[in-house]
Amino acid sequence: MYESYYKLSGKPFQLTPDPFFFYGSSTHKRALAYLKYGLSQGEGFIVVTGDVGTGKSTLVRTLFDSLDGKDDVVAAELINTQLDSIEILRMVAASFGLAHKDNEKASLIKNLENYFTARSQEGKRCMLVVDEAQNLPFETIEELRMLSNMVYDGRTLLQIFLLGQSEFRENLRAPNLEQVRQRVTASYHLSHLDGEETQSYIEHRLSKVGWDNNPAFTAEAFQLIYDFSSGVPRIINSTCDRLLLYGFLEEKNRIDGEIVKLVTEEINDENDAGKDSGPVQQTTMMQPQGLPSDASPMDVRVHTLEKEMDDLKKRFRKERDFMRKIIAISLNFEDD
């Protein structure tokens, strides 16, 4: 929607991992170098950890995208990792397009080994990317280790990438995972972007879609985006997407500190509203302002509900005005 207004060729801050937008910060460049080394070894596990939204999936997709002879790589991905040892084998088989329903464990392993061997004979490498690895039970990790042990003609048949949140590093230190640790050929932990990198990251993504300094971002805006996001790329993306949408609706060609404060406050309000809509718990009710100290619990409850209704009405009016602006601007674009 805002792409046409700002004459951009696409959405610069989409949340879907895309190597096209890869930004080589100091931590991401170093991580990519480590992963390329691990990939060149052609065996074992490659481990990438980091907080939620730090760019683990984008990093691995960028690694695959940079490979010479990509046609020689057969890659599959697992996202659902809360699986037992049999379920993980079925999911691996399904990811590579093999029969998996109702198969016994021995049959699944044999089918996978035959498939990996056939690809190796064709001169191809098989890779498995396992996301959310911090959720993997011990027996499932052990099953993956056994798959990584498969060899044909002196070559490892399957290389596995484990992408996990920060706690996965602690999980790997468990005494019963010593054999897994010995199979790790490369490992890297992604850190957050600093303030300068946050600005460069935003400008980089905008430049990839033809940004010509419209809208312009002030130095204060960049700093406030960094403060709000703590340098986490995913939060930067979602925040900047909202800023561009706001700029479009309000016909702004400059994003300054006041706009960032307004938008980030809205995001915080939405997040708080989501928390408030959770299960009702029995808590001690505080006395609202405007009521006498001897007000009954029923009066307090009615007063609270009335305030909540007023808040909802305000939000409804705000959302209604927001939608009216979108419709009006869309109609203007159609007339043009």
Protein backbone atom coordinates (compact mmCIF):
# COMPACT_ATOMS: atom_id res chain seq x y z
CA MET A 1 0.00 0.00 0.00
CA TYR A 2 2.66 2.54 1.02
CA GLU A 3 5.01 1.25 -1.70
CA SER A 4 3.25 3.29 -4.40
CA TYR A 5 3.17 6.42 -2.28
CA TYR A 6 6.91 6.29 -1.61
CA LYS A 7 7.70 4.90 -5.09
CA LEU A 8 9.25 1.71 -3.73
CA SER A 9 9.52 -1.43 -5.84
CA GLY A 10 8.46 -3.70 -2.99
CA LYS A 11 7.96 -4.04 0.78
CA PRO A 12 11.35 -3.42 2.43
CA PHE A 13 10.44 -4.73 5.86
CA GLN A 14 8.60 -7.99 5.24
CA LEU A 15 9.02 -10.55 8.03
CA THR A 16 9.57 -13.55 5.73
CA PRO A 17 13.30 -14.49 5.62
CA ASP A 18 14.71 -13.41 2.24
CA PRO A 19 18.41 -13.55 1.23
CA PHE A 20 17.76 -10.56 -1.07
CA PHE A 21 17.60 -8.32 2.01
CA PHE A 22 20.52 -9.91 3.87
CA TYR A 23 22.46 -7.26 5.78
CA GLY A 24 26.05 -8.10 6.59
CA SER A 25 26.44 -6.72 10.10
CA SER A 26 29.63 -7.59 11.96
CA THR A 27 27.93 -10.52 13.72
CA HIS A 28 26.14 -11.80 10.60
CA LYS A 29 29.26 -11.60 8.43
CA ARG A 30 31.25 -13.55 10.99
CA ALA A 31 28.46 -16.09 11.37
CA LEU A 32 28.27 -16.58 7.59
CA ALA A 33 32.02 -17.19 7.43
CA TYR A 34 31.78 -19.82 10.19
CA LEU A 35 28.87 -21.53 8.46
CA LYS A 36 30.63 -21.60 5.11
CA TYR A 37 33.57 -23.29 6.78
CA GLY A 38 31.30 -25.84 8.43
CA LEU A 39 29.53 -26.43 5.13
CA SER A 40 32.83 -27.05 3.38
CA GLN A 41 33.51 -29.89 5.82
CA GLY A 42 30.43 -31.68 4.46
CA GLU A 43 29.58 -33.50 7.68
CA GLY A 44 28.19 -33.24 11.19
CA PHE A 45 26.07 -30.51 12.71
CA ILE A 46 26.17 -26.77 12.08
CA VAL A 47 24.62 -24.86 15.00
CA VAL A 48 23.26 -21.30 14.85
CA THR A 49 21.76 -19.76 17.99
CA GLY A 50 20.38 -16.35 18.84
CA ASP A 51 17.48 -14.57 20.45
CA VAL A 52 14.09 -14.58 18.72
CA GLY A 53 14.17 -12.47 15.57
CA THR A 54 17.95 -12.06 15.23
CA GLY A 55 18.03 -13.47 11.69
CA LYS A 56 18.94 -17.16 12.02
CA SER A 57 16.66 -18.35 9.20
CA THR A 58 17.70 -15.51 6.90
CA LEU A 59 21.35 -16.34 7.56
CA VAL A 60 20.95 -20.00 6.55
CA ARG A 61 18.91 -19.10 3.46
CA THR A 62 21.63 -16.64 2.49
CA LEU A 63 24.21 -19.39 2.95
CA PHE A 64 22.29 -21.73 0.63
CA ASP A 65 21.72 -18.92 -1.86
CA SER A 66 25.47 -18.23 -2.04
CA LEU A 67 26.43 -21.82 -2.82
CA ASP A 68 28.17 -22.63 -6.07
CA GLY A 69 26.45 -25.50 -7.82
CA LYS A 70 23.17 -25.08 -5.92
CA ASP A 71 21.60 -27.69 -8.17
CA ASP A 72 23.80 -30.25 -6.42
CA VAL A 73 22.19 -29.53 -3.04
CA VAL A 74 18.98 -31.19 -1.83
CA ALA A 75 17.74 -29.30 1.22
CA ALA A 76 14.76 -29.87 3.49
CA GLU A 77 13.48 -27.97 6.50
CA LEU A 78 11.77 -28.94 9.76
CA ILE A 79 9.91 -26.32 11.79
CA ASN A 80 7.80 -28.45 14.14
CA THR A 81 10.36 -29.87 16.55
CA GLN A 82 8.29 -30.99 19.55
CA LEU A 83 8.43 -34.56 18.30
CA ASP A 84 9.55 -37.90 19.66
CA SER A 85 12.17 -40.07 17.98
CA ILE A 86 9.70 -41.85 15.66
CA GLU A 87 7.84 -38.65 14.73
CA ILE A 88 11.06 -36.85 13.84
CA LEU A 89 12.02 -39.64 11.44
CA ARG A 90 8.60 -39.44 9.80
CA MET A 91 8.92 -35.68 9.46
CA VAL A 92 12.42 -35.95 7.96
CA ALA A 93 11.14 -38.53 5.46
CA ALA A 94 8.16 -36.32 4.58
CA SER A 95 10.44 -33.29 4.15
CA PHE A 96 12.45 -35.19 1.53
CA GLY A 97 9.26 -36.40 -0.18
CA LEU A 98 9.46 -40.01 1.01
CA ALA A 99 6.70 -42.34 2.20
CA HIS A 100 6.32 -42.00 5.95
CA LYS A 101 2.79 -42.77 7.14
CA ASP A 102 2.48 -45.87 9.29
CA ASN A 103 6.12 -46.83 8.58
CA GLU A 104 8.04 -48.53 11.37
CA LYS A 105 11.28 -47.01 12.64
CA ALA A 106 13.55 -49.52 10.88
CA SER A 107 11.72 -48.97 7.59
CA LEU A 108 11.97 -45.18 7.90
CA ILE A 109 15.71 -45.30 8.56
CA LYS A 110 16.30 -47.69 5.66
CA ASN A 111 14.25 -45.55 3.26
CA LEU A 112 16.16 -42.44 4.30
CA GLU A 113 19.52 -44.17 3.93
CA ASN A 114 18.58 -45.44 0.45
CA TYR A 115 17.45 -41.97 -0.58
CA PHE A 116 20.59 -40.23 0.73
CA THR A 117 22.79 -42.86 -0.91
CA ALA A 118 21.05 -42.42 -4.27
CA ARG A 119 21.56 -38.65 -4.10
CA SER A 120 25.23 -39.15 -3.20
CA GLN A 121 25.69 -41.41 -6.22
CA GLU A 122 24.28 -38.56 -8.33
CA GLY A 123 26.93 -36.25 -6.89
CA LYS A 124 24.44 -34.35 -4.71
CA ARG A 125 24.55 -33.33 -1.06
CA CYS A 126 21.59 -33.66 1.30
CA MET A 127 21.05 -31.05 4.00
CA LEU A 128 18.44 -30.80 6.72
CA VAL A 129 17.61 -27.50 8.44
CA VAL A 130 15.96 -27.93 11.84
CA ASP A 131 14.42 -24.73 13.22
CA GLU A 132 13.39 -24.14 16.85
CA ALA A 133 15.99 -26.68 17.92
CA GLN A 134 15.68 -25.61 21.58
CA ASN A 135 12.42 -27.61 21.66
CA LEU A 136 14.04 -30.89 20.62
CA PRO A 137 13.83 -33.65 23.27
CA PHE A 138 17.06 -35.53 24.00
CA GLU A 139 15.95 -38.71 22.24
CA THR A 140 15.08 -36.71 19.12
CA ILE A 141 18.51 -35.05 19.02
CA GLU A 142 20.04 -38.48 19.39
CA GLU A 143 18.00 -39.73 16.44
CA LEU A 144 19.30 -36.84 14.33
CA ARG A 145 22.83 -37.72 15.39
CA MET A 146 22.33 -41.24 14.13
CA LEU A 147 21.16 -39.88 10.77
CA SER A 148 24.26 -37.69 10.58
CA ASN A 149 26.39 -40.83 11.03
CA MET A 150 25.21 -42.35 7.73
CA VAL A 151 28.14 -42.76 5.31
CA TYR A 152 28.51 -43.98 1.73
CA ASP A 153 31.85 -44.47 0.00
CA GLY A 154 33.62 -42.45 2.69
CA ARG A 155 31.20 -39.50 2.41
CA THR A 156 28.71 -38.34 5.02
CA LEU A 157 25.23 -38.59 3.52
CA LEU A 158 23.43 -35.90 5.53
CA GLN A 159 24.57 -32.61 7.02
CA ILE A 160 22.27 -31.02 9.59
CA PHE A 161 21.75 -27.36 10.52
CA LEU A 162 20.33 -26.75 14.00
CA LEU A 163 18.78 -23.30 14.48
CA GLY A 164 17.76 -22.49 18.01
CA GLN A 165 17.16 -19.77 20.53
CA SER A 166 19.82 -18.87 23.06
CA GLU A 167 18.85 -21.60 25.52
CA PHE A 168 19.80 -24.24 22.97
CA ARG A 169 23.45 -23.53 23.79
CA GLU A 170 22.75 -24.57 27.36
CA ASN A 171 20.85 -27.65 26.19
CA LEU A 172 23.86 -28.81 24.20
CA ARG A 173 26.06 -28.67 27.30
CA ALA A 174 24.11 -31.53 28.90
CA PRO A 175 26.40 -34.49 29.76
CA ASN A 176 24.26 -36.93 27.72
CA LEU A 177 24.85 -34.89 24.53
CA GLU A 178 28.62 -35.29 24.48
CA GLN A 179 28.49 -37.32 21.25
CA VAL A 180 26.38 -34.62 19.59
CA ARG A 181 28.85 -31.89 20.63
CA GLN A 182 31.66 -33.91 19.07
CA ARG A 183 29.75 -33.88 15.77
CA VAL A 184 29.41 -30.07 15.65
CA THR A 185 31.70 -28.75 12.88
CA ALA A 186 30.71 -25.07 13.18
CA SER A 187 28.74 -23.02 15.69
CA TYR A 188 27.88 -19.37 16.05
CA HIS A 189 25.69 -17.22 18.30
CA LEU A 190 24.05 -14.17 16.70
CA SER A 191 24.08 -11.00 18.78
CA HIS A 192 21.86 -7.93 18.40
CA LEU A 193 22.71 -5.00 16.12
CA ASP A 194 24.17 -1.90 17.73
CA GLY A 195 22.78 1.59 17.17
CA GLU A 196 24.92 2.38 14.13
CA GLU A 197 24.17 -1.00 12.56
CA THR A 198 20.46 -0.50 13.16
CA GLN A 199 20.51 2.66 11.05
CA SER A 200 22.60 0.98 8.34
CA TYR A 201 20.24 -2.04 8.40
CA ILE A 202 17.18 0.15 7.83
CA GLU A 203 18.86 2.13 5.05
CA HIS A 204 20.12 -1.08 3.44
CA ARG A 205 16.67 -2.66 3.25
CA LEU A 206 15.13 0.55 1.94
CA SER A 207 17.82 0.91 -0.73
CA LYS A 208 17.07 -2.63 -1.98
CA VAL A 209 13.61 -1.43 -3.09
CA GLY A 210 14.67 1.86 -4.68
CA TRP A 211 14.39 4.23 -1.73
CA ASP A 212 15.36 7.79 -2.66
CA ASN A 213 15.34 9.31 0.82
CA ASN A 214 11.54 9.53 0.75
CA PRO A 215 10.57 9.33 3.49
CA ALA A 216 13.63 10.78 5.16
CA PHE A 217 14.48 9.44 8.63
CA THR A 218 15.92 11.83 11.21
CA ALA A 219 18.81 10.89 13.48
CA GLU A 220 16.43 10.90 16.46
CA ALA A 221 14.09 8.51 14.63
CA PHE A 222 16.90 6.03 14.04
CA GLN A 223 17.94 6.23 17.69
CA LEU A 224 14.40 5.70 18.96
CA ILE A 225 13.90 2.72 16.65
CA TYR A 226 17.07 1.20 18.08
CA ASP A 227 15.96 1.91 21.67
CA PHE A 228 12.57 0.30 21.02
CA SER A 229 13.88 -2.76 19.15
CA SER A 230 17.12 -3.35 21.11
CA GLY A 231 18.70 -4.03 17.72
CA VAL A 232 16.60 -7.13 16.98
CA PRO A 233 16.06 -7.26 13.18
CA ARG A 234 12.53 -8.69 13.33
CA ILE A 235 11.35 -5.95 15.69
CA ILE A 236 13.08 -3.33 13.53
CA ASN A 237 11.21 -4.70 10.50
CA SER A 238 7.77 -4.68 12.10
CA THR A 239 8.34 -1.21 13.57
CA CYS A 240 9.57 0.32 10.31
CA ASP A 241 6.70 -1.28 8.41
CA ARG A 242 4.26 0.45 10.75
CA LEU A 243 6.17 3.73 10.43
CA LEU A 244 5.90 3.66 6.64
CA LEU A 245 2.21 2.82 6.85
CA TYR A 246 1.66 5.72 9.25
CA GLY A 247 3.66 8.03 7.00
CA PHE A 248 1.52 6.98 4.02
CA LEU A 249 -1.78 7.50 5.84
CA GLU A 250 -0.71 10.88 7.22
CA GLU A 251 1.04 11.87 3.96
CA LYS A 252 4.41 12.35 5.64
CA ASN A 253 7.70 12.55 3.76
CA ARG A 254 9.78 12.68 6.90
CA ILE A 255 9.88 10.22 9.79
CA ASP A 256 10.99 12.04 12.92
CA GLY A 257 11.22 11.23 16.60
CA GLU A 258 7.65 12.27 17.37
CA ILE A 259 6.27 9.86 14.77
CA VAL A 260 8.39 7.00 16.11
CA LYS A 261 7.19 7.72 19.66
CA LEU A 262 3.57 7.74 18.52
CA VAL A 263 3.84 4.49 16.55
CA THR A 264 5.83 2.61 19.19
CA GLU A 265 3.33 3.70 21.85
CA GLU A 266 0.55 2.25 19.69
CA ILE A 267 2.48 -1.01 19.36
CA ASN A 268 2.98 -1.16 23.13
CA ASP A 269 -0.72 -0.47 23.71
CA GLU A 270 -1.65 -3.31 21.34
CA ASN A 271 0.75 -5.69 23.06
CA ASP A 272 -0.63 -4.71 26.47
CA ALA A 273 -4.19 -5.19 25.23
CA GLY A 274 -3.28 -8.69 24.10
CA LYS A 275 -1.96 -9.49 27.55
CA ASP A 276 -5.07 -8.09 29.19
CA SER A 277 -7.30 -10.34 27.07
CA GLY A 278 -5.87 -13.51 28.62
CA PRO A 279 -7.61 -15.75 31.16
CA VAL A 280 -9.25 -13.90 34.02
CA GLN A 281 -7.46 -14.53 37.29
CA GLN A 282 -8.71 -13.89 40.80
CA THR A 283 -6.75 -10.88 42.04
CA THR A 284 -7.12 -8.28 44.74
CA MET A 285 -9.04 -5.40 43.17
CA MET A 286 -7.49 -1.98 43.74
CA GLN A 287 -9.75 0.96 44.52
CA PRO A 288 -10.18 3.04 41.32
CA GLN A 289 -9.87 6.81 41.49
CA GLY A 290 -13.17 8.68 41.70
CA LEU A 291 -14.88 6.19 44.01
CA PRO A 292 -15.41 6.63 47.75
CA SER A 293 -13.19 4.51 49.98
CA ASP A 294 -16.23 2.56 51.25
CA ALA A 295 -17.50 1.64 47.75
CA SER A 296 -18.79 -1.91 47.52
CA PRO A 297 -17.03 -4.55 45.39
CA MET A 298 -19.97 -4.37 42.96
CA ASP A 299 -19.51 -0.59 42.56
CA VAL A 300 -15.82 -1.06 41.96
CA ARG A 301 -16.49 -3.74 39.36
CA VAL A 302 -19.11 -1.60 37.55
CA HIS A 303 -16.75 1.39 37.56
CA THR A 304 -13.95 -0.76 36.12
CA LEU A 305 -16.19 -2.17 33.39
CA GLU A 306 -17.37 1.33 32.44
CA LYS A 307 -13.75 2.47 32.10
CA GLU A 308 -12.93 -0.57 29.96
CA MET A 309 -15.93 0.22 27.73
CA ASP A 310 -14.73 3.82 27.33
CA ASP A 311 -11.28 2.58 26.35
CA LEU A 312 -12.78 0.19 23.82
CA LYS A 313 -14.90 2.97 22.31
CA LYS A 314 -11.81 5.15 21.93
CA ARG A 315 -9.94 2.33 20.20
CA PHE A 316 -12.92 1.64 17.94
CA ARG A 317 -13.14 5.30 16.89
CA LYS A 318 -9.40 5.35 16.24
CA GLU A 319 -9.55 2.18 14.12
CA ARG A 320 -12.60 3.49 12.26
CA ASP A 321 -10.82 6.75 11.38
CA PHE A 322 -7.78 4.71 10.35
CA MET A 323 -9.84 2.57 7.94
CA ARG A 324 -11.58 5.65 6.52
CA LYS A 325 -8.18 7.14 5.68
CA ILE A 326 -7.07 3.94 3.97
CA ILE A 327 -10.26 3.80 1.87
CA ALA A 328 -10.07 7.49 0.94
CA ILE A 329 -6.42 7.31 -0.10
CA SER A 330 -7.00 4.06 -2.02
CA LEU A 331 -9.85 5.71 -3.95
CA ASN A 332 -7.60 8.67 -4.77
CA PHE A 333 -4.97 6.27 -6.15
CA GLU A 334 -7.60 4.58 -8.32
CA ASP A 335 -8.74 7.96 -9.69
CA ASP A 336 -5.15 8.82 -10.61
